[in-house]
Protein backbone atom coordinates (compact mmCIF):
# COMPACT_ATOMS: atom_id res chain seq x y z
CA UNK A 1 -7.92 17.74 -14.54
CA UNK A 2 -7.70 17.42 -18.22
CA UNK A 3 -5.18 15.69 -19.96
CA UNK A 4 -4.83 14.50 -23.86
CA UNK A 5 -7.64 11.89 -24.55
CA UNK A 6 -6.70 8.33 -24.16
CA UNK A 7 -5.01 8.15 -20.87
CA UNK A 8 -5.28 8.67 -17.61
CA UNK A 9 -2.17 11.01 -16.40
CA UNK A 10 -2.47 10.46 -12.78
CA UNK A 11 -2.77 6.78 -12.97
CA UNK A 12 0.57 6.70 -15.02
CA UNK A 13 2.81 7.72 -12.22
CA UNK A 14 2.20 5.38 -9.15
CA UNK A 15 5.20 6.84 -7.23
CA UNK A 16 6.60 3.48 -5.77
CA UNK A 17 6.15 1.67 -9.07
CA UNK A 18 7.82 4.44 -11.09
CA UNK A 19 10.68 4.63 -8.73
CA UNK A 20 10.94 0.87 -8.70
CA UNK A 21 11.82 0.46 -12.09
CA UNK A 22 13.27 4.07 -13.08
CA UNK A 23 15.93 3.84 -10.32
CA UNK A 24 18.65 3.20 -12.76
CA UNK A 25 18.11 6.46 -14.48
CA UNK A 26 17.20 8.40 -11.34
CA UNK A 27 20.52 7.82 -9.29
CA UNK A 28 20.96 9.93 -6.57
CA UNK A 29 24.86 9.81 -6.92
CA UNK A 30 24.20 11.67 -10.44
CA UNK A 31 22.17 14.59 -8.72
CA UNK A 32 25.03 16.73 -7.59
CA UNK A 33 26.53 16.86 -11.15
CA UNK A 34 23.29 17.53 -12.63
CA UNK A 35 22.53 20.45 -10.12
CA UNK A 36 26.10 21.79 -10.73
CA UNK A 37 25.05 22.25 -14.43
CA UNK A 38 21.60 23.80 -13.59
CA UNK A 39 23.38 26.51 -11.36
CA UNK A 40 25.83 27.04 -14.25
CA UNK A 41 23.28 27.12 -17.06
CA UNK A 42 20.97 29.30 -15.15
CA UNK A 43 23.66 31.83 -13.65
CA UNK A 44 22.02 30.93 -10.24
CA UNK A 45 23.27 33.35 -7.56
CA UNK A 46 23.51 32.20 -3.93
CA UNK A 47 20.19 32.00 -2.31
CA UNK A 48 18.32 32.13 -5.77
CA UNK A 49 14.60 31.43 -5.58
CA UNK A 50 13.90 28.54 -7.88
CA UNK A 51 10.38 27.09 -9.19
CA UNK A 52 10.72 23.47 -10.16
CA UNK A 53 7.53 22.49 -12.46
CA UNK A 54 7.03 18.76 -12.33
CA UNK A 55 9.41 18.23 -9.47
CA UNK A 56 8.83 14.43 -8.95
CA UNK A 57 10.05 13.25 -5.98
CA UNK A 58 12.52 16.19 -5.40
CA UNK A 59 15.72 14.91 -6.48
CA UNK A 60 16.58 18.18 -7.90
CA UNK A 61 14.81 20.49 -5.87
CA UNK A 62 16.06 19.15 -2.58
CA UNK A 63 19.78 19.00 -3.98
CA UNK A 64 19.17 22.79 -5.16
CA UNK A 65 18.02 23.60 -1.54
CA UNK A 66 21.00 22.03 -0.14
CA UNK A 67 23.10 24.26 -2.11
CA UNK A 68 21.24 27.29 -0.16
CA UNK A 69 18.72 27.81 -2.84
CA UNK A 70 15.07 28.57 -1.98
CA UNK A 71 12.68 26.20 -4.00
CA UNK A 72 9.04 25.46 -4.78
CA UNK A 73 8.30 22.29 -6.29
CA UNK A 74 4.96 21.44 -7.92
CA UNK A 75 3.79 17.98 -8.82
CA UNK A 76 0.52 16.31 -9.77
CA UNK A 77 1.44 13.00 -8.19
CA UNK A 78 0.68 13.00 -4.37
CA UNK A 79 3.29 10.04 -3.77
CA UNK A 80 6.20 12.16 -5.23
CA UNK A 81 5.43 15.36 -3.25
CA UNK A 82 5.09 13.41 0.02
CA UNK A 83 8.52 11.66 -0.59
CA UNK A 84 10.05 15.10 -1.39
CA UNK A 85 8.39 16.97 1.41
CA UNK A 86 9.57 14.24 3.92
CA UNK A 87 13.20 14.49 2.94
CA UNK A 88 13.18 18.26 2.95
CA UNK A 89 11.44 18.18 6.36
CA UNK A 90 13.87 15.70 7.65
CA UNK A 91 16.91 17.71 6.46
CA UNK A 92 15.25 20.94 7.21
CA UNK A 93 15.85 22.26 3.84
CA UNK A 94 14.59 25.59 2.23
CA UNK A 95 12.19 23.76 0.01
CA UNK A 96 8.39 23.76 -0.34
CA UNK A 97 6.46 21.08 -2.11
CA UNK A 98 2.96 21.57 -3.52
CA UNK A 99 0.63 19.00 -5.06
CA UNK A 100 -0.90 20.52 -8.03
CA UNK A 101 -1.07 20.59 -11.89
CA UNK A 102 1.40 23.19 -13.57
CA UNK A 103 -1.01 24.11 -16.28
CA UNK A 104 -2.97 25.89 -13.34
CA UNK A 105 -0.17 26.87 -11.10
CA UNK A 106 0.31 30.77 -10.89
CA UNK A 107 2.38 32.96 -8.77
CA UNK A 108 3.79 36.49 -8.56
CA UNK A 109 6.98 37.24 -10.44
CA UNK A 110 8.99 36.44 -7.44
CA UNK A 111 11.37 33.61 -8.79
CA UNK A 112 14.87 33.93 -10.26
CA UNK A 113 14.62 30.70 -12.06
CA UNK A 114 12.53 27.64 -13.47
CA UNK A 115 13.16 24.35 -14.20
CA UNK A 116 11.18 21.53 -15.70
CA UNK A 117 13.15 18.16 -15.96
CA UNK A 118 13.24 14.59 -17.22
CA UNK A 119 10.13 14.43 -19.40
CA UNK A 120 7.49 16.32 -17.13
CA UNK A 121 6.93 18.47 -20.23
CA UNK A 122 5.03 16.73 -23.19
CA UNK A 123 2.03 14.91 -21.70
CA UNK A 124 -0.32 17.76 -22.41
CA UNK A 125 -1.84 19.14 -25.48
CA UNK A 126 0.20 22.08 -27.54
CA UNK A 127 -2.38 24.73 -26.03
CA UNK A 128 -1.69 23.48 -22.48
CA UNK A 129 2.10 23.35 -23.10
CA UNK A 130 1.79 27.03 -24.02
CA UNK A 131 -0.21 27.67 -20.87
CA UNK A 132 2.60 26.10 -18.83
CA UNK A 133 5.33 28.24 -20.33
CA UNK A 134 3.22 31.42 -20.09
CA UNK A 135 2.57 30.48 -16.12
CA UNK A 136 6.14 30.01 -15.87
CA UNK A 137 7.15 33.37 -17.55
CA UNK A 138 4.83 35.37 -15.34
CA UNK A 139 6.30 33.80 -12.13
CA UNK A 140 9.97 34.83 -13.13
CA UNK A 141 11.31 38.32 -12.13
CA UNK A 142 12.45 40.05 -15.34
CA UNK A 143 15.79 38.51 -16.58
CA UNK A 144 15.08 35.20 -15.01
CA UNK A 145 15.80 32.03 -16.94
CA UNK A 146 14.05 28.73 -17.66
CA UNK A 147 15.66 25.25 -18.38
CA UNK A 148 13.38 22.87 -20.12
CA UNK A 149 14.46 19.46 -20.51
CA UNK A 150 12.71 17.23 -23.10
CA UNK A 151 13.06 13.96 -24.87
CA UNK A 152 14.89 14.87 -28.34
CA UNK A 153 12.62 14.02 -31.10
CA UNK A 154 15.11 13.36 -33.79
CA UNK A 155 16.82 10.92 -31.48
CA UNK A 156 13.51 9.09 -30.46
CA UNK A 157 12.57 8.50 -34.04
CA UNK A 158 15.44 6.25 -34.47
CA UNK A 159 14.95 4.18 -31.36
CA UNK A 160 13.67 0.55 -31.49
CA UNK A 161 9.96 0.21 -31.36
CA UNK A 162 10.25 -1.98 -28.11
CA UNK A 163 12.01 -1.23 -24.97
CA UNK A 164 12.77 -3.33 -22.28
CA UNK A 165 13.72 -2.44 -18.47
CA UNK A 166 14.62 -5.81 -16.46
CA UNK A 167 15.66 -5.56 -12.89
CA UNK A 168 17.78 -8.04 -11.14
CA UNK A 169 14.76 -9.86 -9.63
CA UNK A 170 12.98 -10.30 -13.00
CA UNK A 171 10.51 -7.24 -12.64
CA UNK A 172 10.05 -5.91 -16.21
CA UNK A 173 8.96 -2.68 -17.60
CA UNK A 174 8.07 -3.01 -21.31
CA UNK A 175 7.36 -0.05 -23.66
CA UNK A 176 6.06 -0.51 -27.27
CA UNK A 177 6.30 2.78 -29.31
CA UNK A 178 4.41 4.05 -32.18
CA UNK A 179 5.11 7.78 -33.72
CA UNK A 180 1.97 9.48 -34.76
CA UNK A 181 3.36 11.74 -37.51
CA UNK A 182 0.08 13.75 -37.88
CA UNK A 183 -0.04 14.78 -33.98
CA UNK A 184 3.73 14.71 -33.17
CA UNK A 185 3.40 12.34 -30.47
CA UNK A 186 4.84 9.15 -29.29
CA UNK A 187 2.40 6.51 -28.44
CA UNK A 188 3.52 4.28 -25.59
CA UNK A 189 1.91 0.90 -24.75
CA UNK A 190 3.47 0.26 -21.40
CA UNK A 191 3.21 -3.05 -19.36
CA UNK A 192 4.60 -3.40 -15.65
CA UNK A 193 5.08 -7.17 -14.54
CA UNK A 194 6.04 -7.58 -11.31
CA UNK A 195 6.80 -10.82 -8.92
CA UNK A 196 4.92 -10.67 -5.59
CA UNK A 197 4.15 -13.37 -2.81
CA UNK A 198 0.92 -14.24 -4.94
CA UNK A 199 2.72 -14.60 -7.98
CA UNK A 200 3.35 -12.37 -11.07
CA UNK A 201 0.93 -9.33 -11.37
CA UNK A 202 0.76 -6.99 -14.53
CA UNK A 203 -0.38 -3.51 -15.26
CA UNK A 204 -0.99 -1.99 -18.56
CA UNK A 205 -1.32 1.41 -19.44
CA UNK A 206 -1.33 3.49 -22.74
CA UNK A 207 -0.19 7.09 -22.78
CA UNK A 208 1.42 9.60 -25.27
CA UNK A 209 4.19 12.21 -25.09
CA UNK A 210 4.37 15.21 -27.51
CA UNK A 211 7.76 15.07 -29.11
CA UNK A 212 8.79 18.68 -30.25
CA UNK A 213 11.39 19.28 -32.97
CA UNK A 214 14.10 21.97 -31.65
CA UNK A 215 12.56 24.38 -34.18
CA UNK A 216 9.00 23.83 -32.87
CA UNK A 217 10.16 24.02 -29.33
CA UNK A 218 11.98 27.34 -29.94
CA UNK A 219 8.75 28.59 -31.58
CA UNK A 220 6.62 27.65 -28.69
CA UNK A 221 8.72 29.39 -26.27
CA UNK A 222 9.08 32.49 -28.21
CA UNK A 223 5.16 32.30 -28.63
CA UNK A 224 4.85 32.40 -24.96
CA UNK A 225 7.21 35.39 -24.46
CA UNK A 226 10.58 33.68 -23.89
CA UNK A 227 13.83 34.59 -25.43
CA UNK A 228 15.55 31.14 -26.18
CA UNK A 229 19.25 31.62 -25.26
CA UNK A 230 21.09 28.02 -25.91
CA UNK A 231 20.48 24.32 -26.08
CA UNK A 232 22.52 21.37 -24.78
CA UNK A 233 22.51 17.72 -25.50
CA UNK A 234 22.62 16.76 -21.78
CA UNK A 235 23.54 17.57 -18.17
CA UNK A 236 27.16 17.46 -18.92
CA UNK A 237 26.97 20.77 -21.23
CA UNK A 238 27.45 18.83 -24.37
CA UNK A 239 26.35 20.79 -27.63
CA UNK A 240 22.64 19.65 -28.67
CA UNK A 241 22.71 16.91 -31.43
CA UNK A 242 20.25 14.79 -32.96
CA UNK A 243 22.40 11.61 -31.63
CA UNK A 244 21.51 12.40 -28.12
CA UNK A 245 18.49 11.42 -26.50
CA UNK A 246 17.80 14.88 -24.57
CA UNK A 247 17.41 18.20 -25.46
CA UNK A 248 17.71 20.98 -22.75
CA UNK A 249 16.88 24.71 -23.68
CA UNK A 250 17.84 27.82 -21.64
CA UNK A 251 15.37 30.70 -22.30
CA UNK A 252 15.11 33.87 -20.64
CA UNK A 253 12.45 36.39 -19.77
CA UNK A 254 12.80 39.89 -21.12
CA UNK A 255 14.48 42.38 -18.77
CA UNK A 256 11.77 45.09 -20.11
CA UNK A 257 8.85 45.11 -22.10
CA UNK A 258 10.83 46.45 -24.80
CA UNK A 259 13.61 43.90 -24.92
């Protein structure tokens, strides 16, 4: 795989480590309401076929499948895919999970909707992001819709340069941020510090995320052939705002070549 020079994307997401530290923001009890918003924002009819790009451990994909939708999730991290698949198999859900790169994923136009949630979009180059959006467009039926959820650039630029997640047992995830204005990317030097039977362990990784201004994201979607419909500031349906950390954009595939 190719990634933005300077970091190993596959090494960034160790499934066990990621879920260990991000558990407070990935709570299962939040998932039903978030999926209810997804259904409403994308006008999902019963039994819709949904593509989940960067599905992670299947939190949303499997909940959508519980609601009767037929879901295909794709993610680069084998540990995430294994967890998502095991849950779907255990509950006999109509969800399929594929370990793969969403830059290379291609499918016939058989999906009613697509989602790309919780920072799965932003790790690559602008050209690769355009390819992801083009691949998603090609996989949807005419009139199908996409929900793209990214970090809100205007909010992120006002965040403190250091963020700390400390768990009850003392384990810590430390992020040190620097915004590269020319590249439009937030550089992150991240340290994982954990207590083990052998003592403290530490893992360091440096990576970056492309932060798009709302106008940039709209232009990127339109250049890929999407029609931008509306945007939100969170899964509660609130209006998008520079004061909120997330930007959720709904875009649709034209119903015909003349739209």
